[in-house]
Amino acid sequence: MFRRTFWFGTGVAAGVWATTKVNRKLKQLTPDSLAATAANKALDVGGRVRDRAVGFALDVRDNMAQRQAELDDALGLKAPVDPELAAPRRRAAIENSNDPKYTVDDSTAYSYNRNEDH
């Protein structure tokens, strides 16, 4: 009698364990659970990608600044300025067409209009 009770209890325990395991798996496979799992994994991957991209951007910026300093040194752009030299001249971004050096005497002007009758 004791043997039968033992095996009956063991069977009930195995059935409860199997039922619980199957129910958990079924809950994991519902559409809502799958969507939540996918969203969590996407957030994790996005965070890792963002961290790597930020690290890469900082590395690029540091190396770019270092290379710019090397080029400035090689070209002498960071050299001290000699006070006896004149300041560099700047060119106007937009030239004044009313300035006398840009006016042309109408008698000698040549028309660049291709549609003009000749």
N, C-alpha and C. Protein backbone atom coordinates (compact mmCIF):
# COMPACT_ATOMS: atom_id res chain seq x y z
N MET A 1 0.81 -1.19 0.00
CA MET A 1 0.00 0.00 0.00
C MET A 1 0.86 1.26 0.00
N PHE A 2 1.92 1.21 0.80
CA PHE A 2 2.80 2.36 0.86
C PHE A 2 3.46 2.62 -0.50
N ARG A 3 3.81 1.59 -1.23
CA ARG A 3 4.42 1.74 -2.56
C ARG A 3 3.45 2.43 -3.52
N ARG A 4 2.23 2.01 -3.51
CA ARG A 4 1.23 2.62 -4.40
C ARG A 4 1.04 4.10 -4.08
N THR A 5 1.00 4.45 -2.81
CA THR A 5 0.84 5.84 -2.40
C THR A 5 2.06 6.65 -2.84
N PHE A 6 3.24 6.09 -2.67
CA PHE A 6 4.47 6.78 -3.08
C PHE A 6 4.45 7.07 -4.58
N TRP A 7 4.16 6.07 -5.39
CA TRP A 7 4.17 6.26 -6.84
C TRP A 7 3.02 7.17 -7.30
N PHE A 8 1.91 7.12 -6.60
CA PHE A 8 0.81 8.02 -6.92
C PHE A 8 1.23 9.47 -6.64
N GLY A 9 1.84 9.69 -5.50
CA GLY A 9 2.32 11.04 -5.15
C GLY A 9 3.39 11.53 -6.11
N THR A 10 4.28 10.61 -6.51
CA THR A 10 5.33 10.97 -7.47
C THR A 10 4.70 11.33 -8.82
N GLY A 11 3.71 10.63 -9.25
CA GLY A 11 3.03 10.93 -10.51
C GLY A 11 2.30 12.26 -10.46
N VAL A 12 1.64 12.53 -9.32
CA VAL A 12 0.95 13.81 -9.17
C VAL A 12 1.97 14.95 -9.20
N ALA A 13 3.07 14.81 -8.50
CA ALA A 13 4.11 15.85 -8.48
C ALA A 13 4.68 16.07 -9.88
N ALA A 14 4.94 14.98 -10.61
CA ALA A 14 5.47 15.11 -11.97
C ALA A 14 4.45 15.78 -12.88
N GLY A 15 3.20 15.46 -12.71
CA GLY A 15 2.15 16.09 -13.52
C GLY A 15 2.02 17.57 -13.23
N VAL A 16 2.07 17.95 -11.95
CA VAL A 16 2.00 19.37 -11.59
C VAL A 16 3.21 20.12 -12.14
N TRP A 17 4.40 19.50 -11.98
CA TRP A 17 5.62 20.15 -12.50
C TRP A 17 5.54 20.33 -14.01
N ALA A 18 5.11 19.29 -14.74
CA ALA A 18 5.02 19.36 -16.20
C ALA A 18 3.97 20.38 -16.63
N THR A 19 2.84 20.40 -15.94
CA THR A 19 1.78 21.36 -16.28
C THR A 19 2.26 22.78 -16.06
N THR A 20 2.94 23.03 -14.96
CA THR A 20 3.47 24.36 -14.67
C THR A 20 4.49 24.77 -15.73
N LYS A 21 5.36 23.85 -16.08
CA LYS A 21 6.38 24.14 -17.08
C LYS A 21 5.75 24.47 -18.43
N VAL A 22 4.75 23.70 -18.84
CA VAL A 22 4.07 23.93 -20.12
C VAL A 22 3.32 25.26 -20.10
N ASN A 23 2.66 25.58 -19.00
CA ASN A 23 1.92 26.85 -18.91
C ASN A 23 2.85 28.05 -18.97
N ARG A 24 4.01 27.96 -18.32
CA ARG A 24 4.99 29.06 -18.41
C ARG A 24 5.46 29.25 -19.85
N LYS A 25 5.73 28.15 -20.52
CA LYS A 25 6.20 28.25 -21.91
C LYS A 25 5.12 28.83 -22.80
N LEU A 26 3.86 28.44 -22.59
CA LEU A 26 2.76 28.98 -23.38
C LEU A 26 2.59 30.47 -23.15
N LYS A 27 2.77 30.93 -21.90
CA LYS A 27 2.69 32.36 -21.62
C LYS A 27 3.81 33.12 -22.30
N GLN A 28 5.00 32.50 -22.41
CA GLN A 28 6.12 33.14 -23.09
C GLN A 28 5.87 33.26 -24.59
N LEU A 29 5.03 32.40 -25.13
CA LEU A 29 4.80 32.39 -26.57
C LEU A 29 3.56 33.17 -27.00
N THR A 30 2.92 33.89 -26.07
CA THR A 30 1.78 34.71 -26.46
C THR A 30 2.31 35.92 -27.24
N PRO A 31 1.48 36.51 -28.11
CA PRO A 31 1.94 37.66 -28.89
C PRO A 31 2.41 38.83 -28.03
N ASP A 32 1.72 39.12 -26.93
CA ASP A 32 2.13 40.23 -26.07
C ASP A 32 3.50 39.97 -25.45
N SER A 33 3.71 38.76 -25.00
CA SER A 33 4.99 38.42 -24.39
C SER A 33 6.12 38.45 -25.41
N LEU A 34 5.84 37.94 -26.61
CA LEU A 34 6.86 37.98 -27.67
C LEU A 34 7.20 39.42 -28.05
N ALA A 35 6.19 40.28 -28.13
CA ALA A 35 6.43 41.68 -28.47
C ALA A 35 7.26 42.37 -27.38
N ALA A 36 6.93 42.09 -26.12
CA ALA A 36 7.68 42.70 -25.03
C ALA A 36 9.13 42.21 -25.03
N THR A 37 9.33 40.93 -25.27
CA THR A 37 10.69 40.39 -25.33
C THR A 37 11.48 41.01 -26.47
N ALA A 38 10.83 41.12 -27.62
CA ALA A 38 11.52 41.73 -28.78
C ALA A 38 11.85 43.18 -28.50
N ALA A 39 10.94 43.92 -27.88
CA ALA A 39 11.20 45.32 -27.56
C ALA A 39 12.35 45.47 -26.58
N ASN A 40 12.38 44.62 -25.57
CA ASN A 40 13.48 44.68 -24.60
C ASN A 40 14.82 44.38 -25.25
N LYS A 41 14.85 43.37 -26.12
CA LYS A 41 16.11 43.04 -26.80
C LYS A 41 16.53 44.16 -27.75
N ALA A 42 15.54 44.78 -28.42
CA ALA A 42 15.87 45.89 -29.31
C ALA A 42 16.44 47.07 -28.52
N LEU A 43 15.89 47.35 -27.35
CA LEU A 43 16.42 48.42 -26.51
C LEU A 43 17.83 48.11 -26.05
N ASP A 44 18.07 46.85 -25.68
CA ASP A 44 19.42 46.46 -25.26
C ASP A 44 20.42 46.63 -26.40
N VAL A 45 20.04 46.15 -27.58
CA VAL A 45 20.93 46.26 -28.74
C VAL A 45 21.13 47.73 -29.10
N GLY A 46 20.06 48.50 -29.08
CA GLY A 46 20.17 49.93 -29.39
C GLY A 46 21.09 50.65 -28.43
N GLY A 47 21.00 50.30 -27.15
CA GLY A 47 21.89 50.91 -26.16
C GLY A 47 23.34 50.56 -26.40
N ARG A 48 23.59 49.29 -26.74
CA ARG A 48 24.96 48.88 -27.02
C ARG A 48 25.50 49.57 -28.27
N VAL A 49 24.67 49.67 -29.29
CA VAL A 49 25.10 50.34 -30.53
C VAL A 49 25.37 51.81 -30.27
N ARG A 50 24.50 52.47 -29.50
CA ARG A 50 24.68 53.88 -29.19
C ARG A 50 25.97 54.09 -28.41
N ASP A 51 26.23 53.23 -27.44
CA ASP A 51 27.46 53.36 -26.65
C ASP A 51 28.69 53.22 -27.52
N ARG A 52 28.65 52.24 -28.43
CA ARG A 52 29.80 52.06 -29.32
C ARG A 52 29.94 53.23 -30.29
N ALA A 53 28.81 53.75 -30.79
CA ALA A 53 28.86 54.87 -31.73
C ALA A 53 29.40 56.12 -31.04
N VAL A 54 28.98 56.35 -29.80
CA VAL A 54 29.48 57.51 -29.07
C VAL A 54 30.97 57.36 -28.82
N GLY A 55 31.39 56.16 -28.43
CA GLY A 55 32.81 55.93 -28.23
C GLY A 55 33.61 56.11 -29.50
N PHE A 56 33.06 55.63 -30.61
CA PHE A 56 33.73 55.77 -31.90
C PHE A 56 33.82 57.25 -32.29
N ALA A 57 32.73 58.00 -32.09
CA ALA A 57 32.73 59.42 -32.43
C ALA A 57 33.75 60.18 -31.59
N LEU A 58 33.86 59.85 -30.32
CA LEU A 58 34.85 60.51 -29.47
C LEU A 58 36.26 60.17 -29.91
N ASP A 59 36.50 58.92 -30.28
CA ASP A 59 37.82 58.53 -30.78
C ASP A 59 38.16 59.27 -32.06
N VAL A 60 37.19 59.37 -32.96
CA VAL A 60 37.42 60.08 -34.23
C VAL A 60 37.73 61.54 -33.95
N ARG A 61 36.97 62.16 -33.06
CA ARG A 61 37.18 63.58 -32.75
C ARG A 61 38.56 63.80 -32.14
N ASP A 62 38.97 62.92 -31.23
CA ASP A 62 40.30 63.07 -30.61
C ASP A 62 41.40 62.90 -31.64
N ASN A 63 41.28 61.87 -32.48
CA ASN A 63 42.31 61.65 -33.51
C ASN A 63 42.32 62.76 -34.54
N MET A 64 41.14 63.32 -34.84
CA MET A 64 41.08 64.42 -35.79
C MET A 64 41.79 65.65 -35.22
N ALA A 65 41.57 65.95 -33.95
CA ALA A 65 42.24 67.10 -33.33
C ALA A 65 43.74 66.88 -33.28
N GLN A 66 44.15 65.65 -32.98
CA GLN A 66 45.58 65.35 -32.93
C GLN A 66 46.21 65.52 -34.31
N ARG A 67 45.54 65.01 -35.34
CA ARG A 67 46.08 65.12 -36.70
C ARG A 67 46.10 66.57 -37.16
N GLN A 68 45.08 67.36 -36.78
CA GLN A 68 45.05 68.77 -37.15
C GLN A 68 46.22 69.51 -36.51
N ALA A 69 46.52 69.17 -35.26
CA ALA A 69 47.66 69.79 -34.59
C ALA A 69 48.97 69.40 -35.29
N GLU A 70 49.09 68.15 -35.71
CA GLU A 70 50.29 67.72 -36.43
C GLU A 70 50.44 68.48 -37.75
N LEU A 71 49.33 68.63 -38.46
CA LEU A 71 49.39 69.36 -39.74
C LEU A 71 49.70 70.83 -39.52
N ASP A 72 49.12 71.43 -38.49
CA ASP A 72 49.41 72.84 -38.19
C ASP A 72 50.89 73.03 -37.88
N ASP A 73 51.46 72.10 -37.10
CA ASP A 73 52.88 72.19 -36.78
C ASP A 73 53.73 72.01 -38.03
N ALA A 74 53.34 71.04 -38.88
CA ALA A 74 54.13 70.77 -40.09
C ALA A 74 54.07 71.93 -41.07
N LEU A 75 52.94 72.62 -41.15
CA LEU A 75 52.80 73.73 -42.09
C LEU A 75 53.17 75.07 -41.47
N GLY A 76 53.47 75.09 -40.19
CA GLY A 76 53.86 76.33 -39.53
C GLY A 76 52.70 77.26 -39.28
N LEU A 77 51.51 76.74 -39.18
CA LEU A 77 50.36 77.60 -38.96
C LEU A 77 50.25 78.07 -37.52
N LYS A 78 50.89 77.40 -36.61
CA LYS A 78 50.85 77.78 -35.20
C LYS A 78 52.11 78.55 -34.80
N ALA A 79 52.93 78.92 -35.79
CA ALA A 79 54.15 79.64 -35.52
C ALA A 79 53.82 81.04 -35.01
N PRO A 80 54.70 81.60 -34.17
CA PRO A 80 54.44 82.96 -33.68
C PRO A 80 54.47 83.97 -34.84
N VAL A 81 53.62 84.98 -34.75
CA VAL A 81 53.51 85.98 -35.81
C VAL A 81 54.57 87.05 -35.60
N ASP A 82 55.29 87.39 -36.70
CA ASP A 82 56.30 88.44 -36.64
C ASP A 82 55.59 89.79 -36.63
N PRO A 83 55.81 90.63 -35.63
CA PRO A 83 55.09 91.90 -35.56
C PRO A 83 55.46 92.87 -36.67
N GLU A 84 56.59 92.68 -37.34
CA GLU A 84 57.00 93.58 -38.42
C GLU A 84 56.22 93.30 -39.71
N LEU A 85 55.61 92.13 -39.83
CA LEU A 85 54.86 91.81 -41.04
C LEU A 85 53.49 92.47 -40.99
N ALA A 86 52.99 92.81 -42.14
CA ALA A 86 51.66 93.40 -42.23
C ALA A 86 50.61 92.33 -41.96
N ALA A 87 49.47 92.78 -41.49
CA ALA A 87 48.38 91.85 -41.23
C ALA A 87 47.88 91.29 -42.56
N PRO A 88 47.42 90.06 -42.58
CA PRO A 88 46.92 89.50 -43.84
C PRO A 88 45.69 90.26 -44.33
N ARG A 89 45.62 90.43 -45.63
CA ARG A 89 44.48 91.13 -46.22
C ARG A 89 43.33 90.17 -46.39
N ARG A 90 42.16 90.69 -46.22
CA ARG A 90 40.97 89.87 -46.40
C ARG A 90 40.28 90.30 -47.68
N ARG A 91 39.75 89.34 -48.39
CA ARG A 91 39.01 89.65 -49.60
C ARG A 91 37.54 89.74 -49.24
N ALA A 92 36.85 90.62 -49.90
CA ALA A 92 35.43 90.78 -49.65
C ALA A 92 34.69 89.57 -50.18
N ALA A 93 33.73 89.10 -49.42
CA ALA A 93 32.95 87.94 -49.85
C ALA A 93 32.08 88.31 -51.04
N ILE A 94 31.53 89.51 -51.02
CA ILE A 94 30.71 90.01 -52.13
C ILE A 94 31.32 91.33 -52.56
N GLU A 95 31.73 91.40 -53.79
CA GLU A 95 32.39 92.62 -54.26
C GLU A 95 31.35 93.64 -54.66
N ASN A 96 31.66 94.88 -54.41
CA ASN A 96 30.77 96.00 -54.68
C ASN A 96 30.85 96.34 -56.17
N SER A 97 29.76 96.17 -56.86
CA SER A 97 29.77 96.46 -58.30
C SER A 97 29.80 97.97 -58.58
N ASN A 98 29.54 98.81 -57.59
CA ASN A 98 29.59 100.27 -57.76
C ASN A 98 30.99 100.82 -57.56
N ASP A 99 31.92 99.98 -57.17
CA ASP A 99 33.29 100.41 -56.97
C ASP A 99 33.88 100.81 -58.33
N PRO A 100 34.61 101.92 -58.39
CA PRO A 100 35.16 102.38 -59.70
C PRO A 100 36.06 101.37 -60.39
N LYS A 101 36.71 100.50 -59.66
CA LYS A 101 37.61 99.56 -60.33
C LYS A 101 36.84 98.48 -61.09
N TYR A 102 35.53 98.34 -60.82
CA TYR A 102 34.73 97.36 -61.53
C TYR A 102 33.84 97.97 -62.62
N THR A 103 33.82 99.28 -62.74
CA THR A 103 33.00 99.91 -63.78
C THR A 103 33.74 99.84 -65.10
N VAL A 104 32.98 99.70 -66.17
CA VAL A 104 33.56 99.58 -67.51
C VAL A 104 32.98 100.70 -68.36
N ASP A 105 33.84 101.31 -69.16
CA ASP A 105 33.38 102.35 -70.09
C ASP A 105 32.47 101.68 -71.12
N ASP A 106 31.27 102.23 -71.34
CA ASP A 106 30.29 101.61 -72.23
C ASP A 106 30.78 101.51 -73.67
N SER A 107 31.66 102.36 -74.08
CA SER A 107 32.12 102.33 -75.46
C SER A 107 33.00 101.12 -75.73
N THR A 108 33.67 100.63 -74.71
CA THR A 108 34.56 99.49 -74.92
C THR A 108 34.00 98.20 -74.32
N ALA A 109 32.80 98.27 -73.79
CA ALA A 109 32.23 97.10 -73.12
C ALA A 109 31.86 96.03 -74.14
N TYR A 110 32.06 94.82 -73.77
CA TYR A 110 31.72 93.70 -74.61
C TYR A 110 30.57 92.97 -73.95
N SER A 111 29.56 92.65 -74.71
CA SER A 111 28.40 91.96 -74.13
C SER A 111 28.63 90.45 -74.15
N TYR A 112 28.39 89.82 -73.01
CA TYR A 112 28.52 88.39 -72.91
C TYR A 112 27.17 87.69 -73.03
N ASN A 113 26.17 88.41 -73.44
CA ASN A 113 24.83 87.84 -73.56
C ASN A 113 24.79 87.01 -74.83
N ARG A 114 24.64 85.73 -74.75
CA ARG A 114 24.65 84.85 -75.91
C ARG A 114 23.37 84.98 -76.73
N ASN A 115 22.32 85.49 -76.09
CA ASN A 115 21.04 85.60 -76.78
C ASN A 115 20.88 86.93 -77.51
N GLU A 116 21.88 87.77 -77.40
CA GLU A 116 21.79 89.08 -78.05
C GLU A 116 21.95 88.93 -79.55
N ASP A 117 21.15 89.67 -80.31
CA ASP A 117 21.26 89.63 -81.76
C ASP A 117 22.55 90.30 -82.20
N HIS A 118 23.26 89.70 -83.16
CA HIS A 118 24.51 90.30 -83.67
C HIS A 118 24.33 90.79 -85.05
